[in-house]
Amino acid sequence: MSADKGVLSGNTAMLILKLLEEEDMYGYQIIEELSRRSEDVFRLKTGTLYPILHGLENDGMVMSYDENADSRRVRKYYRLTSRGKGLLAEKQSEWKAYTKAVSRVMNGGAGYDFS
């Protein structure tokens, strides 16, 4: 089962930032790791990922650098900046409040503590 594009679209940047918080990654690695961790619910296409990465880079949330993958290929890696860490913390807080509110509505007003 894959996620509805509407649900994913507003949260894709947060998920990418979270992966980059843990380690620098190149594009295909981000796609694969996101798919693996979500048990194939989040399957990004390169045409979706790279515009997001470029936007995050233009906004100063991530930076990129090139590194040799082997003797013939160079990969572009992405690294989270301190500004990106701040945005990630903000997005995680928003997500926590959102999921808590949805849970309360779905459970007839009874909430679960996701802290």
N, C-alpha and C. Protein backbone atom coordinates (compact mmCIF):
# COMPACT_ATOMS: atom_id res chain seq x y z
N MET A 1 0.84 -1.18 0.00
CA MET A 1 0.00 0.00 0.00
C MET A 1 0.89 1.24 0.00
N SER A 2 0.59 2.17 -0.87
CA SER A 2 1.35 3.42 -0.88
C SER A 2 0.49 4.52 -0.28
N ALA A 3 1.16 5.58 0.14
CA ALA A 3 0.46 6.69 0.79
C ALA A 3 -0.21 7.57 -0.25
N ASP A 4 -1.34 8.14 0.12
CA ASP A 4 -2.03 9.10 -0.72
C ASP A 4 -1.11 10.29 -0.95
N LYS A 5 -1.03 10.76 -2.19
CA LYS A 5 -0.12 11.85 -2.52
C LYS A 5 -0.42 13.12 -1.73
N GLY A 6 -1.69 13.37 -1.43
CA GLY A 6 -2.06 14.55 -0.66
C GLY A 6 -1.51 14.50 0.76
N VAL A 7 -1.55 13.33 1.35
CA VAL A 7 -1.02 13.16 2.71
C VAL A 7 0.49 13.31 2.70
N LEU A 8 1.13 12.74 1.70
CA LEU A 8 2.59 12.75 1.64
C LEU A 8 3.15 14.11 1.29
N SER A 9 2.48 14.85 0.40
CA SER A 9 3.07 16.07 -0.16
C SER A 9 3.47 17.09 0.90
N GLY A 10 2.67 17.30 1.89
CA GLY A 10 3.00 18.29 2.90
C GLY A 10 4.05 17.83 3.89
N ASN A 11 4.38 16.58 3.89
CA ASN A 11 5.29 16.04 4.89
C ASN A 11 6.57 15.47 4.32
N THR A 12 6.70 15.47 3.02
CA THR A 12 7.89 14.88 2.38
C THR A 12 9.16 15.58 2.82
N ALA A 13 9.14 16.89 2.85
CA ALA A 13 10.35 17.62 3.26
C ALA A 13 10.75 17.24 4.68
N MET A 14 9.77 17.11 5.58
CA MET A 14 10.07 16.73 6.96
C MET A 14 10.76 15.36 7.00
N LEU A 15 10.25 14.41 6.21
CA LEU A 15 10.82 13.07 6.19
C LEU A 15 12.24 13.09 5.64
N ILE A 16 12.47 13.88 4.62
CA ILE A 16 13.82 13.99 4.03
C ILE A 16 14.76 14.62 5.05
N LEU A 17 14.33 15.68 5.70
CA LEU A 17 15.17 16.34 6.71
C LEU A 17 15.51 15.37 7.84
N LYS A 18 14.55 14.55 8.23
CA LYS A 18 14.79 13.58 9.30
C LYS A 18 15.88 12.59 8.90
N LEU A 19 15.81 12.09 7.67
CA LEU A 19 16.85 11.16 7.21
C LEU A 19 18.21 11.84 7.20
N LEU A 20 18.25 13.08 6.74
CA LEU A 20 19.53 13.80 6.66
C LEU A 20 20.04 14.23 8.03
N GLU A 21 19.17 14.26 9.03
CA GLU A 21 19.62 14.54 10.39
C GLU A 21 20.55 13.43 10.88
N GLU A 22 20.30 12.23 10.42
CA GLU A 22 21.05 11.07 10.88
C GLU A 22 22.36 10.87 10.12
N GLU A 23 22.36 11.19 8.82
CA GLU A 23 23.58 11.06 8.02
C GLU A 23 23.41 11.76 6.68
N ASP A 24 24.52 12.16 6.10
CA ASP A 24 24.50 12.71 4.75
C ASP A 24 24.10 11.60 3.79
N MET A 25 23.32 11.93 2.77
CA MET A 25 22.86 10.93 1.81
C MET A 25 22.81 11.52 0.42
N TYR A 26 22.90 10.66 -0.58
CA TYR A 26 22.68 11.08 -1.96
C TYR A 26 21.24 10.72 -2.33
N GLY A 27 20.76 11.27 -3.43
CA GLY A 27 19.36 11.17 -3.79
C GLY A 27 18.77 9.78 -3.78
N TYR A 28 19.38 8.87 -4.54
CA TYR A 28 18.82 7.52 -4.62
C TYR A 28 18.82 6.85 -3.24
N GLN A 29 19.81 7.14 -2.44
CA GLN A 29 19.89 6.60 -1.08
C GLN A 29 18.71 7.10 -0.24
N ILE A 30 18.34 8.35 -0.40
CA ILE A 30 17.19 8.92 0.31
C ILE A 30 15.92 8.18 -0.10
N ILE A 31 15.75 7.98 -1.40
CA ILE A 31 14.57 7.28 -1.91
C ILE A 31 14.49 5.87 -1.33
N GLU A 32 15.59 5.16 -1.37
CA GLU A 32 15.63 3.78 -0.87
C GLU A 32 15.40 3.70 0.63
N GLU A 33 16.02 4.59 1.37
CA GLU A 33 15.89 4.56 2.84
C GLU A 33 14.48 4.93 3.28
N LEU A 34 13.89 5.90 2.62
CA LEU A 34 12.52 6.27 2.94
C LEU A 34 11.56 5.12 2.65
N SER A 35 11.76 4.46 1.54
CA SER A 35 10.94 3.30 1.18
C SER A 35 11.13 2.16 2.19
N ARG A 36 12.38 1.91 2.56
CA ARG A 36 12.68 0.81 3.49
C ARG A 36 12.06 1.07 4.87
N ARG A 37 12.27 2.27 5.38
CA ARG A 37 11.77 2.58 6.73
C ARG A 37 10.24 2.62 6.80
N SER A 38 9.62 2.96 5.68
CA SER A 38 8.15 3.04 5.67
C SER A 38 7.51 1.75 5.17
N GLU A 39 8.34 0.73 5.00
CA GLU A 39 7.86 -0.56 4.46
C GLU A 39 7.13 -0.34 3.15
N ASP A 40 7.75 0.45 2.27
CA ASP A 40 7.28 0.74 0.91
C ASP A 40 6.01 1.58 0.84
N VAL A 41 5.62 2.21 1.93
CA VAL A 41 4.47 3.11 1.88
C VAL A 41 4.87 4.41 1.18
N PHE A 42 6.07 4.90 1.47
CA PHE A 42 6.58 6.12 0.84
C PHE A 42 7.58 5.74 -0.24
N ARG A 43 7.13 5.81 -1.47
CA ARG A 43 7.99 5.50 -2.63
C ARG A 43 8.10 6.75 -3.49
N LEU A 44 9.13 7.52 -3.27
CA LEU A 44 9.33 8.74 -4.04
C LEU A 44 9.95 8.43 -5.40
N LYS A 45 9.60 9.24 -6.36
CA LYS A 45 10.24 9.19 -7.67
C LYS A 45 11.30 10.29 -7.69
N THR A 46 12.30 10.12 -8.52
CA THR A 46 13.35 11.14 -8.60
C THR A 46 12.77 12.49 -9.00
N GLY A 47 11.74 12.49 -9.83
CA GLY A 47 11.10 13.72 -10.25
C GLY A 47 10.38 14.44 -9.13
N THR A 48 10.13 13.74 -8.04
CA THR A 48 9.53 14.35 -6.85
C THR A 48 10.63 14.78 -5.88
N LEU A 49 11.62 13.92 -5.70
CA LEU A 49 12.67 14.17 -4.71
C LEU A 49 13.54 15.38 -5.05
N TYR A 50 14.06 15.43 -6.26
CA TYR A 50 15.06 16.45 -6.57
C TYR A 50 14.53 17.88 -6.51
N PRO A 51 13.32 18.16 -6.96
CA PRO A 51 12.80 19.53 -6.75
C PRO A 51 12.69 19.90 -5.27
N ILE A 52 12.34 18.93 -4.43
CA ILE A 52 12.26 19.20 -2.98
C ILE A 52 13.66 19.48 -2.44
N LEU A 53 14.62 18.65 -2.81
CA LEU A 53 16.00 18.86 -2.35
C LEU A 53 16.54 20.21 -2.82
N HIS A 54 16.26 20.57 -4.07
CA HIS A 54 16.75 21.86 -4.59
C HIS A 54 16.10 23.02 -3.85
N GLY A 55 14.80 22.89 -3.55
CA GLY A 55 14.12 23.93 -2.78
C GLY A 55 14.69 24.06 -1.38
N LEU A 56 14.94 22.92 -0.74
CA LEU A 56 15.54 22.93 0.60
C LEU A 56 16.94 23.56 0.57
N GLU A 57 17.67 23.26 -0.50
CA GLU A 57 19.02 23.83 -0.63
C GLU A 57 18.93 25.34 -0.87
N ASN A 58 18.03 25.78 -1.74
CA ASN A 58 17.87 27.21 -2.00
C ASN A 58 17.45 27.97 -0.75
N ASP A 59 16.71 27.31 0.15
CA ASP A 59 16.26 27.94 1.39
C ASP A 59 17.28 27.81 2.53
N GLY A 60 18.41 27.17 2.25
CA GLY A 60 19.46 27.04 3.26
C GLY A 60 19.22 25.95 4.28
N MET A 61 18.30 25.04 4.00
CA MET A 61 17.99 23.96 4.93
C MET A 61 18.95 22.78 4.78
N VAL A 62 19.43 22.58 3.57
CA VAL A 62 20.43 21.55 3.29
C VAL A 62 21.52 22.16 2.41
N MET A 63 22.66 21.53 2.42
CA MET A 63 23.73 21.91 1.49
C MET A 63 24.16 20.64 0.77
N SER A 64 24.74 20.81 -0.40
CA SER A 64 25.18 19.64 -1.16
C SER A 64 26.68 19.72 -1.41
N TYR A 65 27.25 18.56 -1.63
CA TYR A 65 28.66 18.46 -1.99
C TYR A 65 28.84 17.21 -2.83
N ASP A 66 29.85 17.21 -3.66
CA ASP A 66 30.14 16.07 -4.52
C ASP A 66 31.20 15.18 -3.89
N GLU A 67 31.01 13.89 -4.08
CA GLU A 67 31.98 12.92 -3.58
C GLU A 67 32.12 11.79 -4.59
N ASN A 68 33.33 11.32 -4.79
CA ASN A 68 33.56 10.23 -5.72
C ASN A 68 32.94 8.94 -5.20
N ALA A 69 32.10 8.33 -6.03
CA ALA A 69 31.49 7.06 -5.67
C ALA A 69 32.40 5.92 -6.08
N ASP A 70 33.04 6.06 -7.21
CA ASP A 70 34.04 5.12 -7.70
C ASP A 70 34.90 5.90 -8.69
N SER A 71 35.70 5.20 -9.48
CA SER A 71 36.63 5.90 -10.36
C SER A 71 35.94 6.69 -11.47
N ARG A 72 34.69 6.39 -11.77
CA ARG A 72 34.01 7.05 -12.88
C ARG A 72 32.83 7.92 -12.47
N ARG A 73 32.31 7.75 -11.28
CA ARG A 73 31.09 8.46 -10.90
C ARG A 73 31.32 9.38 -9.72
N VAL A 74 30.62 10.48 -9.77
CA VAL A 74 30.60 11.42 -8.65
C VAL A 74 29.15 11.50 -8.19
N ARG A 75 28.94 11.42 -6.89
CA ARG A 75 27.59 11.53 -6.33
C ARG A 75 27.45 12.85 -5.60
N LYS A 76 26.26 13.40 -5.69
CA LYS A 76 25.94 14.63 -4.94
C LYS A 76 25.28 14.21 -3.64
N TYR A 77 25.93 14.53 -2.54
CA TYR A 77 25.40 14.24 -1.21
C TYR A 77 24.75 15.49 -0.64
N TYR A 78 23.78 15.25 0.24
CA TYR A 78 23.07 16.34 0.90
C TYR A 78 23.29 16.24 2.40
N ARG A 79 23.50 17.40 3.01
CA ARG A 79 23.75 17.49 4.45
C ARG A 79 22.79 18.50 5.06
N LEU A 80 22.26 18.18 6.21
CA LEU A 80 21.36 19.07 6.93
C LEU A 80 22.16 20.22 7.52
N THR A 81 21.66 21.43 7.39
CA THR A 81 22.31 22.60 7.99
C THR A 81 21.67 22.89 9.35
N SER A 82 22.25 23.82 10.09
CA SER A 82 21.66 24.17 11.38
C SER A 82 20.28 24.80 11.18
N ARG A 83 20.11 25.52 10.10
CA ARG A 83 18.78 26.08 9.78
C ARG A 83 17.79 24.96 9.49
N GLY A 84 18.25 23.93 8.80
CA GLY A 84 17.41 22.77 8.51
C GLY A 84 17.03 22.02 9.78
N LYS A 85 17.96 21.96 10.73
CA LYS A 85 17.65 21.32 12.02
C LYS A 85 16.53 22.06 12.73
N GLY A 86 16.55 23.38 12.65
CA GLY A 86 15.50 24.17 13.26
C GLY A 86 14.15 23.93 12.60
N LEU A 87 14.14 23.86 11.27
CA LEU A 87 12.91 23.59 10.55
C LEU A 87 12.39 22.19 10.88
N LEU A 88 13.29 21.23 10.96
CA LEU A 88 12.89 19.87 11.30
C LEU A 88 12.23 19.84 12.68
N ALA A 89 12.82 20.50 13.66
CA ALA A 89 12.23 20.53 15.01
C ALA A 89 10.84 21.14 14.97
N GLU A 90 10.68 22.21 14.20
CA GLU A 90 9.38 22.87 14.07
C GLU A 90 8.36 21.93 13.40
N LYS A 91 8.77 21.27 12.33
CA LYS A 91 7.87 20.36 11.61
C LYS A 91 7.50 19.15 12.47
N GLN A 92 8.44 18.64 13.25
CA GLN A 92 8.14 17.51 14.13
C GLN A 92 7.13 17.91 15.20
N SER A 93 7.25 19.11 15.71
CA SER A 93 6.31 19.60 16.71
C SER A 93 4.91 19.74 16.10
N GLU A 94 4.84 20.29 14.91
CA GLU A 94 3.56 20.42 14.20
C GLU A 94 2.95 19.05 13.94
N TRP A 95 3.78 18.10 13.51
CA TRP A 95 3.30 16.74 13.21
C TRP A 95 2.74 16.08 14.46
N LYS A 96 3.42 16.25 15.57
CA LYS A 96 2.98 15.66 16.83
C LYS A 96 1.61 16.21 17.23
N ALA A 97 1.43 17.51 17.12
CA ALA A 97 0.14 18.13 17.46
C ALA A 97 -0.94 17.65 16.50
N TYR A 98 -0.61 17.55 15.23
CA TYR A 98 -1.57 17.11 14.21
C TYR A 98 -2.02 15.67 14.45
N THR A 99 -1.07 14.76 14.66
CA THR A 99 -1.43 13.35 14.85
C THR A 99 -2.21 13.15 16.15
N LYS A 100 -1.89 13.94 17.16
CA LYS A 100 -2.62 13.85 18.42
C LYS A 100 -4.08 14.29 18.22
N ALA A 101 -4.27 15.39 17.48
CA ALA A 101 -5.63 15.89 17.23
C ALA A 101 -6.43 14.92 16.37
N VAL A 102 -5.81 14.35 15.34
CA VAL A 102 -6.49 13.38 14.49
C VAL A 102 -6.89 12.16 15.31
N SER A 103 -6.01 11.72 16.16
CA SER A 103 -6.30 10.56 17.01
C SER A 103 -7.49 10.83 17.92
N ARG A 104 -7.55 12.04 18.49
CA ARG A 104 -8.68 12.37 19.36
C ARG A 104 -9.99 12.35 18.59
N VAL A 105 -9.99 12.90 17.38
CA VAL A 105 -11.21 12.91 16.56
C VAL A 105 -11.60 11.49 16.18
N MET A 106 -10.66 10.70 15.74
CA MET A 106 -10.93 9.34 15.27
C MET A 106 -11.38 8.42 16.41
N ASN A 107 -11.01 8.77 17.63
CA ASN A 107 -11.37 7.95 18.78
C ASN A 107 -12.47 8.57 19.62
N GLY A 108 -13.30 9.40 19.01
CA GLY A 108 -14.45 9.97 19.70
C GLY A 108 -14.09 10.91 20.82
N GLY A 109 -12.97 11.55 20.73
CA GLY A 109 -12.56 12.51 21.76
C GLY A 109 -11.57 11.94 22.75
N ALA A 110 -11.42 10.62 22.77
CA ALA A 110 -10.44 10.00 23.65
C ALA A 110 -9.09 10.08 22.96
N GLY A 111 -8.12 10.63 23.63
CA GLY A 111 -6.81 10.82 23.03
C GLY A 111 -5.80 9.81 23.52
N TYR A 112 -4.80 9.66 22.73
CA TYR A 112 -3.65 8.88 23.11
C TYR A 112 -2.49 9.82 23.27
N ASP A 113 -1.65 9.56 24.22
CA ASP A 113 -0.48 10.41 24.43
C ASP A 113 0.67 9.86 23.60
N PHE A 114 1.05 10.62 22.58
CA PHE A 114 2.15 10.22 21.70
C PHE A 114 3.46 10.88 22.09
N SER A 115 3.58 11.36 23.31
CA SER A 115 4.80 12.08 23.65
C SER A 115 5.99 11.22 23.76
